[in-house]
Amino acid sequence: MSPTGRCYEDAFWFVLHNSHSFEENQVKLVHGRVIKPDGKTIDHAWMKLGKSRIWEPQSDTYLDRNQFEKDGVVDAEYSLKQALRLWGGTMNYGPWTARERRKYKADD
């Protein structure tokens, strides 16, 4: 998969196509914010892979999770099941609001 400039969509499809490669609950779709070197904060999505790695959709690279999240804030994490519920209910790739998470029971 190559980056498209659509991190929410790319991260969603990554979890959909790669969850089978990991143990259950070892892959999480993450929505959050990243602080750029110039200090600006951008909304972003990425994949958490186990305890130590992430997949970053804009660069299509695997990175050390602690190093990456040092410059970011995790707002929400989703399992494949939760992401599918939200995508199916909202017909978008995120970010999803607290209201949408309640409506589509993604916090279960």
Protein backbone atom coordinates (compact mmCIF):
# COMPACT_ATOMS: atom_id res chain seq x y z
CA MET A 1 0.00 0.00 0.00
CA SER A 2 1.40 3.40 -0.89
CA PRO A 3 0.48 6.66 0.85
CA THR A 4 -2.25 8.72 -0.75
CA GLY A 5 -2.44 11.77 1.52
CA ARG A 6 -5.54 10.26 3.11
CA CYS A 7 -4.20 8.83 6.35
CA TYR A 8 -7.61 7.93 7.84
CA GLU A 9 -8.61 5.93 4.79
CA ASP A 10 -5.17 4.32 4.38
CA ALA A 11 -5.00 3.32 8.05
CA PHE A 12 -8.52 1.85 7.93
CA TRP A 13 -7.69 -0.31 4.91
CA PHE A 14 -4.41 -1.37 6.49
CA VAL A 15 -6.18 -2.72 9.58
CA LEU A 16 -8.79 -4.41 7.41
CA HIS A 17 -6.22 -6.18 5.23
CA ASN A 18 -3.57 -6.95 7.86
CA SER A 19 -5.38 -7.85 11.09
CA HIS A 20 -5.16 -11.55 10.22
CA SER A 21 -1.35 -11.32 10.44
CA PHE A 22 -1.40 -10.49 14.16
CA GLU A 23 -2.87 -11.93 17.32
CA GLU A 24 -6.28 -10.59 18.32
CA ASN A 25 -6.12 -7.12 19.88
CA GLN A 26 -2.52 -6.63 18.70
CA VAL A 27 -3.56 -4.32 15.86
CA LYS A 28 -5.30 -1.04 16.62
CA LEU A 29 -6.42 1.77 14.36
CA VAL A 30 -5.35 4.99 16.07
CA HIS A 31 -6.82 8.46 15.56
CA GLY A 32 -4.90 11.31 17.10
CA ARG A 33 -2.77 14.35 16.49
CA VAL A 34 0.88 14.74 15.57
CA ILE A 35 3.02 17.74 16.40
CA LYS A 36 5.14 18.72 13.40
CA PRO A 37 8.67 20.15 13.79
CA ASP A 38 7.31 23.67 13.17
CA GLY A 39 4.97 23.23 16.18
CA LYS A 40 1.76 22.86 14.18
CA THR A 41 -0.58 20.07 15.20
CA ILE A 42 -2.30 17.98 12.53
CA ASP A 43 -5.03 15.38 12.82
CA HIS A 44 -3.64 12.00 11.86
CA ALA A 45 -4.32 8.25 11.80
CA TRP A 46 -1.88 5.35 12.12
CA MET A 47 -1.77 1.69 13.09
CA LYS A 48 -0.49 0.35 16.39
CA LEU A 49 1.12 -3.06 15.86
CA GLY A 50 1.69 -4.92 19.09
CA LYS A 51 3.53 -3.14 21.87
CA SER A 52 6.45 -1.63 20.03
CA ARG A 53 5.69 -0.72 16.40
CA ILE A 54 3.38 1.46 14.36
CA TRP A 55 2.65 1.72 10.68
CA GLU A 56 2.61 5.31 9.49
CA PRO A 57 0.47 5.72 6.35
CA GLN A 58 1.92 8.95 4.97
CA SER A 59 5.42 7.54 4.67
CA ASP A 60 4.31 3.89 4.36
CA THR A 61 6.87 2.93 7.00
CA TYR A 62 7.08 0.91 10.19
CA LEU A 63 8.39 2.95 13.12
CA ASP A 64 9.17 2.56 16.80
CA ARG A 65 5.91 3.29 18.61
CA ASN A 66 7.43 5.13 21.58
CA GLN A 67 9.47 7.39 19.33
CA PHE A 68 6.52 8.18 17.05
CA GLU A 69 3.97 8.78 19.81
CA LYS A 70 6.42 11.04 21.64
CA ASP A 71 5.42 13.70 19.09
CA GLY A 72 1.74 12.86 19.09
CA VAL A 73 -1.43 12.47 21.07
CA VAL A 74 -3.65 9.40 20.89
CA ASP A 75 -7.31 10.46 20.89
CA ALA A 76 -8.89 7.04 20.25
CA GLU A 77 -7.94 3.45 19.43
CA TYR A 78 -10.14 0.97 17.59
CA SER A 79 -10.12 -2.75 17.03
CA LEU A 80 -11.03 -4.07 13.59
CA LYS A 81 -14.55 -4.83 14.81
CA GLN A 82 -15.02 -1.31 16.19
CA ALA A 83 -13.60 0.32 13.05
CA LEU A 84 -15.93 -1.71 10.84
CA ARG A 85 -18.96 -0.71 12.94
CA LEU A 86 -18.07 2.96 12.72
CA TRP A 87 -17.20 2.90 9.04
CA GLY A 88 -20.40 1.03 8.24
CA GLY A 89 -22.51 3.42 10.30
CA THR A 90 -20.94 6.69 9.22
CA MET A 91 -19.66 5.75 5.76
CA ASN A 92 -16.45 7.66 6.45
CA TYR A 93 -12.98 6.70 7.64
CA GLY A 94 -12.85 9.08 10.57
CA PRO A 95 -12.05 10.74 12.74
CA TRP A 96 -15.18 9.66 14.56
CA THR A 97 -16.88 11.70 17.25
CA ALA A 98 -17.85 10.53 20.73
CA ARG A 99 -21.48 10.70 19.60
CA GLU A 100 -20.76 8.40 16.63
CA ARG A 101 -18.87 5.98 18.90
CA ARG A 102 -21.88 5.79 21.24
CA LYS A 103 -24.42 5.51 18.41
CA TYR A 104 -22.62 2.62 16.73
CA LYS A 105 -21.54 1.00 20.01
CA ALA A 106 -17.87 1.22 19.17
CA ASP A 107 -16.91 1.50 22.83
CA ASP A 108 -18.11 -2.07 23.53
